[in-house]
């Protein structure tokens, strides 16, 4: 699976935000020593993979222990969240000092080129471009480590930085 190429090579403690119904989660076993899932519902298969380590409800309001995870994954879930800045701030608190977030969201400019508008807005609360996603994370103290894909999806890795709310210089008016 292409997403596994971005995963750290060492076994780690990981949290999948919104992965309760994602078939990708079953592929993580060789890469993680401890997997947790935060979601509203979780399939039986995902429950087995994470050994019942599940946090139900709104991620940003969850009582997940801070400074716990090496990797936080978020595949096609951030666009469904009402307050993505609170979500990213929560991710920051949960990551260990050298942790990373691997995120994948629809790339809004590319999606609107290929999808009728009426099929987009009813299902997504937030839309992202490379610039807005980068800005969202860097405002919360992350650094962009790598862009893995920038076609119809944005697949990016952000690393935890010790700086908080750093100014980014990202031009939000750009189309990218």
C-alpha atoms as a PDB file:
ATOM      1  CA  UNK A   1       0.000   0.000   0.000  1.00  0.00           C
ATOM      2  CA  UNK A   2       1.435   3.385  -0.985  1.00  0.00           C
ATOM      3  CA  UNK A   3       0.740   5.007   2.408  1.00  0.00           C
ATOM      4  CA  UNK A   4       3.042   2.598   4.222  1.00  0.00           C
ATOM      5  CA  UNK A   5       6.076   4.037   2.444  1.00  0.00           C
ATOM      6  CA  UNK A   6       5.664   7.167   4.551  1.00  0.00           C
ATOM      7  CA  UNK A   7       5.515   5.254   7.805  1.00  0.00           C
ATOM      8  CA  UNK A   8       8.528   5.314  10.145  1.00  0.00           C
ATOM      9  CA  UNK A   9      10.689   2.199   9.939  1.00  0.00           C
ATOM     10  CA  UNK A  10      10.912   1.734  13.701  1.00  0.00           C
ATOM     11  CA  UNK A  11       8.013   0.192  15.584  1.00  0.00           C
ATOM     12  CA  UNK A  12       6.117   2.910  17.347  1.00  0.00           C
ATOM     13  CA  UNK A  13       3.136   3.937  19.414  1.00  0.00           C
ATOM     14  CA  UNK A  14       0.520   5.292  17.013  1.00  0.00           C
ATOM     15  CA  UNK A  15      -2.891   6.906  17.013  1.00  0.00           C
ATOM     16  CA  UNK A  16      -5.227   6.781  14.022  1.00  0.00           C
ATOM     17  CA  UNK A  17      -7.662   9.701  14.136  1.00  0.00           C
ATOM     18  CA  UNK A  18     -10.840   8.795  12.289  1.00  0.00           C
ATOM     19  CA  UNK A  19      -9.580   5.343  11.319  1.00  0.00           C
ATOM     20  CA  UNK A  20     -12.294   3.253  12.914  1.00  0.00           C
ATOM     21  CA  UNK A  21     -13.767   2.305   9.548  1.00  0.00           C
ATOM     22  CA  UNK A  22     -10.623   2.550   7.446  1.00  0.00           C
ATOM     23  CA  UNK A  23      -9.443  -0.790   5.992  1.00  0.00           C
ATOM     24  CA  UNK A  24      -5.899   0.643   5.956  1.00  0.00           C
ATOM     25  CA  UNK A  25      -5.621   0.188   9.718  1.00  0.00           C
ATOM     26  CA  UNK A  26      -5.157  -3.602   9.382  1.00  0.00           C
ATOM     27  CA  UNK A  27      -1.945  -3.010   7.399  1.00  0.00           C
ATOM     28  CA  UNK A  28      -0.292  -1.213  10.318  1.00  0.00           C
ATOM     29  CA  UNK A  29       0.517  -4.246  12.500  1.00  0.00           C
ATOM     30  CA  UNK A  30       4.118  -4.719  11.283  1.00  0.00           C
ATOM     31  CA  UNK A  31       4.869  -1.032  11.835  1.00  0.00           C
ATOM     32  CA  UNK A  32       3.398  -0.326  15.234  1.00  0.00           C
ATOM     33  CA  UNK A  33       3.876  -1.806  18.676  1.00  0.00           C
ATOM     34  CA  UNK A  34       0.848  -0.014  20.090  1.00  0.00           C
ATOM     35  CA  UNK A  35      -2.043   1.287  17.985  1.00  0.00           C
ATOM     36  CA  UNK A  36      -4.977   3.319  19.267  1.00  0.00           C
ATOM     37  CA  UNK A  37      -7.967   4.594  17.308  1.00  0.00           C
ATOM     38  CA  UNK A  38     -10.043   7.707  17.905  1.00  0.00           C
ATOM     39  CA  UNK A  39     -13.405   7.681  16.128  1.00  0.00           C
ATOM     40  CA  UNK A  40     -17.175   7.598  16.631  1.00  0.00           C
ATOM     41  CA  UNK A  41     -17.489   3.994  15.474  1.00  0.00           C
ATOM     42  CA  UNK A  42     -14.935   1.242  14.975  1.00  0.00           C
ATOM     43  CA  UNK A  43     -15.258  -1.937  12.912  1.00  0.00           C
ATOM     44  CA  UNK A  44     -14.691  -5.317  14.545  1.00  0.00           C
ATOM     45  CA  UNK A  45     -11.581  -5.776  12.405  1.00  0.00           C
ATOM     46  CA  UNK A  46     -10.118  -2.448  13.598  1.00  0.00           C
ATOM     47  CA  UNK A  47     -10.945  -3.347  17.219  1.00  0.00           C
ATOM     48  CA  UNK A  48      -8.816  -6.477  16.867  1.00  0.00           C
ATOM     49  CA  UNK A  49      -5.893  -4.588  15.317  1.00  0.00           C
ATOM     50  CA  UNK A  50      -5.789  -2.031  18.118  1.00  0.00           C
ATOM     51  CA  UNK A  51      -6.568  -4.576  20.854  1.00  0.00           C
ATOM     52  CA  UNK A  52      -9.516  -2.487  21.999  1.00  0.00           C
ATOM     53  CA  UNK A  53      -7.415   0.651  22.541  1.00  0.00           C
ATOM     54  CA  UNK A  54     -10.195   2.979  21.370  1.00  0.00           C
ATOM     55  CA  UNK A  55     -11.221   6.538  22.213  1.00  0.00           C
ATOM     56  CA  UNK A  56     -14.805   7.203  21.162  1.00  0.00           C
ATOM     57  CA  UNK A  57     -16.294  10.614  20.401  1.00  0.00           C
ATOM     58  CA  UNK A  58     -14.929  13.975  19.304  1.00  0.00           C
ATOM     59  CA  UNK A  59     -11.159  13.703  19.043  1.00  0.00           C
ATOM     60  CA  UNK A  60     -10.479  17.258  20.192  1.00  0.00           C
ATOM     61  CA  UNK A  61     -12.527  16.659  23.375  1.00  0.00           C
ATOM     62  CA  UNK A  62     -11.147  13.199  24.145  1.00  0.00           C
ATOM     63  CA  UNK A  63      -9.217  12.296  27.275  1.00  0.00           C
ATOM     64  CA  UNK A  64      -6.306  10.680  25.456  1.00  0.00           C
ATOM     65  CA  UNK A  65      -3.057  10.818  27.467  1.00  0.00           C
ATOM     66  CA  UNK A  66      -0.695  13.597  26.371  1.00  0.00           C
ATOM     67  CA  UNK A  67       2.879  13.069  25.123  1.00  0.00           C
ATOM     68  CA  UNK A  68       2.092   9.456  24.232  1.00  0.00           C
ATOM     69  CA  UNK A  69       2.389   8.893  20.487  1.00  0.00           C
ATOM     70  CA  UNK A  70       5.248   8.696  18.012  1.00  0.00           C
ATOM     71  CA  UNK A  71       2.914   8.907  15.011  1.00  0.00           C
ATOM     72  CA  UNK A  72      -0.593  10.271  14.555  1.00  0.00           C
ATOM     73  CA  UNK A  73      -2.372   9.275  11.360  1.00  0.00           C
ATOM     74  CA  UNK A  74      -5.319  11.076   9.838  1.00  0.00           C
ATOM     75  CA  UNK A  75      -6.492   9.759   6.482  1.00  0.00           C
ATOM     76  CA  UNK A  76      -9.530  11.496   5.021  1.00  0.00           C
ATOM     77  CA  UNK A  77     -10.949  12.595   8.336  1.00  0.00           C
ATOM     78  CA  UNK A  78      -9.744  16.199   8.918  1.00  0.00           C
ATOM     79  CA  UNK A  79     -12.092  17.510   6.221  1.00  0.00           C
ATOM     80  CA  UNK A  80     -15.027  16.116   8.211  1.00  0.00           C
ATOM     81  CA  UNK A  81     -14.117  17.918  11.438  1.00  0.00           C
ATOM     82  CA  UNK A  82     -15.823  21.137  12.501  1.00  0.00           C
ATOM     83  CA  UNK A  83     -12.788  22.778  14.097  1.00  0.00           C
ATOM     84  CA  UNK A  84      -9.587  21.531  12.473  1.00  0.00           C
ATOM     85  CA  UNK A  85      -7.389  24.004  14.402  1.00  0.00           C
ATOM     86  CA  UNK A  86      -8.526  22.405  17.674  1.00  0.00           C
ATOM     87  CA  UNK A  87      -7.865  18.980  16.188  1.00  0.00           C
ATOM     88  CA  UNK A  88      -4.289  19.912  15.237  1.00  0.00           C
ATOM     89  CA  UNK A  89      -3.712  21.540  18.649  1.00  0.00           C
ATOM     90  CA  UNK A  90      -4.842  18.270  20.279  1.00  0.00           C
ATOM     91  CA  UNK A  91      -2.488  16.292  18.015  1.00  0.00           C
ATOM     92  CA  UNK A  92       0.375  18.513  19.172  1.00  0.00           C
ATOM     93  CA  UNK A  93      -0.376  17.719  22.831  1.00  0.00           C
ATOM     94  CA  UNK A  94      -0.565  13.974  22.210  1.00  0.00           C
ATOM     95  CA  UNK A  95       2.690  13.628  20.262  1.00  0.00           C
ATOM     96  CA  UNK A  96       6.042  12.871  21.785  1.00  0.00           C
ATOM     97  CA  UNK A  97       8.792  15.444  21.269  1.00  0.00           C
ATOM     98  CA  UNK A  98      10.037  13.912  17.997  1.00  0.00           C
ATOM     99  CA  UNK A  99       6.642  12.691  16.778  1.00  0.00           C
ATOM    100  CA  UNK A 100       5.040  13.153  13.369  1.00  0.00           C
ATOM    101  CA  UNK A 101       1.562  13.523  11.920  1.00  0.00           C
ATOM    102  CA  UNK A 102       0.856  11.830   8.605  1.00  0.00           C
ATOM    103  CA  UNK A 103      -2.224  13.402   7.089  1.00  0.00           C
ATOM    104  CA  UNK A 104      -4.173  12.903   3.886  1.00  0.00           C
ATOM    105  CA  UNK A 105      -7.067  15.126   2.818  1.00  0.00           C
ATOM    106  CA  UNK A 106      -8.705  15.979  -0.495  1.00  0.00           C
ATOM    107  CA  UNK A 107      -6.782  18.662  -2.411  1.00  0.00           C
ATOM    108  CA  UNK A 108      -9.588  21.173  -2.892  1.00  0.00           C
ATOM    109  CA  UNK A 109      -8.407  22.848  -6.145  1.00  0.00           C
ATOM    110  CA  UNK A 110      -7.921  19.462  -7.822  1.00  0.00           C
ATOM    111  CA  UNK A 111     -11.167  18.030  -6.465  1.00  0.00           C
ATOM    112  CA  UNK A 112     -13.311  20.874  -7.803  1.00  0.00           C
ATOM    113  CA  UNK A 113     -11.794  20.383 -11.238  1.00  0.00           C
ATOM    114  CA  UNK A 114     -13.092  16.797 -11.312  1.00  0.00           C
ATOM    115  CA  UNK A 115     -16.123  16.684  -9.019  1.00  0.00           C
ATOM    116  CA  UNK A 116     -19.460  18.505  -9.273  1.00  0.00           C
ATOM    117  CA  UNK A 117     -19.794  21.101  -6.503  1.00  0.00           C
ATOM    118  CA  UNK A 118     -22.996  19.563  -5.141  1.00  0.00           C
ATOM    119  CA  UNK A 119     -21.190  16.339  -4.233  1.00  0.00           C
ATOM    120  CA  UNK A 120     -18.453  18.078  -2.235  1.00  0.00           C
ATOM    121  CA  UNK A 121     -19.894  20.572   0.213  1.00  0.00           C
ATOM    122  CA  UNK A 122     -22.483  18.419   1.969  1.00  0.00           C
ATOM    123  CA  UNK A 123     -19.927  15.901   3.191  1.00  0.00           C
ATOM    124  CA  UNK A 124     -16.898  18.066   4.030  1.00  0.00           C
ATOM    125  CA  UNK A 125     -16.819  20.711   6.754  1.00  0.00           C
ATOM    126  CA  UNK A 126     -13.344  21.991   5.788  1.00  0.00           C
ATOM    127  CA  UNK A 127     -11.533  22.229   2.487  1.00  0.00           C
ATOM    128  CA  UNK A 128      -7.763  22.365   2.192  1.00  0.00           C
ATOM    129  CA  UNK A 129      -5.108  23.490  -0.236  1.00  0.00           C
ATOM    130  CA  UNK A 130      -1.409  22.821   0.291  1.00  0.00           C
ATOM    131  CA  UNK A 131      -1.041  26.336   1.690  1.00  0.00           C
ATOM    132  CA  UNK A 132      -3.990  26.190   4.077  1.00  0.00           C
ATOM    133  CA  UNK A 133      -3.083  22.741   5.419  1.00  0.00           C
ATOM    134  CA  UNK A 134       0.521  23.808   5.929  1.00  0.00           C
ATOM    135  CA  UNK A 135      -0.616  26.999   7.638  1.00  0.00           C
ATOM    136  CA  UNK A 136      -3.001  25.078   9.898  1.00  0.00           C
ATOM    137  CA  UNK A 137      -0.211  22.811  11.134  1.00  0.00           C
ATOM    138  CA  UNK A 138       2.584  25.379  11.357  1.00  0.00           C
ATOM    139  CA  UNK A 139       0.396  27.754  13.380  1.00  0.00           C
ATOM    140  CA  UNK A 140       0.160  24.984  15.966  1.00  0.00           C
ATOM    141  CA  UNK A 141       3.933  24.480  16.107  1.00  0.00           C
ATOM    142  CA  UNK A 142       4.539  21.808  13.472  1.00  0.00           C
ATOM    143  CA  UNK A 143       7.066  21.879  10.644  1.00  0.00           C
ATOM    144  CA  UNK A 144       6.330  20.496   7.205  1.00  0.00           C
ATOM    145  CA  UNK A 145       8.639  17.515   6.766  1.00  0.00           C
ATOM    146  CA  UNK A 146       7.541  16.149   3.413  1.00  0.00           C
ATOM    147  CA  UNK A 147       4.837  16.337   0.756  1.00  0.00           C
ATOM    148  CA  UNK A 148       4.200  12.776  -0.390  1.00  0.00           C
ATOM    149  CA  UNK A 149       1.428  13.508  -2.850  1.00  0.00           C
ATOM    150  CA  UNK A 150      -0.235  16.605  -4.235  1.00  0.00           C
ATOM    151  CA  UNK A 151      -2.745  15.471  -6.822  1.00  0.00           C
ATOM    152  CA  UNK A 152      -6.411  14.923  -5.946  1.00  0.00           C
ATOM    153  CA  UNK A 153      -5.236  14.368  -2.380  1.00  0.00           C
ATOM    154  CA  UNK A 154      -2.707  16.119  -0.194  1.00  0.00           C
ATOM    155  CA  UNK A 155      -0.588  13.522   1.597  1.00  0.00           C
ATOM    156  CA  UNK A 156       1.842  15.278   3.925  1.00  0.00           C
ATOM    157  CA  UNK A 157       4.042  14.631   6.939  1.00  0.00           C
ATOM    158  CA  UNK A 158       4.389  17.252   9.671  1.00  0.00           C
ATOM    159  CA  UNK A 159       6.906  16.925  12.468  1.00  0.00           C
ATOM    160  CA  UNK A 160       6.491  18.148  16.001  1.00  0.00           C
ATOM    161  CA  UNK A 161       8.479  21.317  16.591  1.00  0.00           C
ATOM    162  CA  UNK A 162       9.266  22.689  20.018  1.00  0.00           C
ATOM    163  CA  UNK A 163       8.167  26.139  18.886  1.00  0.00           C
ATOM    164  CA  UNK A 164       4.549  27.141  19.443  1.00  0.00           C
ATOM    165  CA  UNK A 165       2.461  29.198  17.023  1.00  0.00           C
ATOM    166  CA  UNK A 166       5.388  30.014  14.778  1.00  0.00           C
ATOM    167  CA  UNK A 167       4.784  32.492  11.984  1.00  0.00           C
ATOM    168  CA  UNK A 168       4.867  30.728   8.660  1.00  0.00           C
ATOM    169  CA  UNK A 169       5.023  33.191   5.831  1.00  0.00           C
ATOM    170  CA  UNK A 170       2.579  30.981   3.904  1.00  0.00           C
ATOM    171  CA  UNK A 171       0.655  32.977   1.331  1.00  0.00           C
ATOM    172  CA  UNK A 172      -2.971  31.975   1.901  1.00  0.00           C
ATOM    173  CA  UNK A 173      -4.068  33.808  -1.230  1.00  0.00           C
ATOM    174  CA  UNK A 174      -2.274  31.360  -3.537  1.00  0.00           C
ATOM    175  CA  UNK A 175      -4.225  28.681  -5.355  1.00  0.00           C
ATOM    176  CA  UNK A 176      -1.851  25.879  -4.365  1.00  0.00           C
END
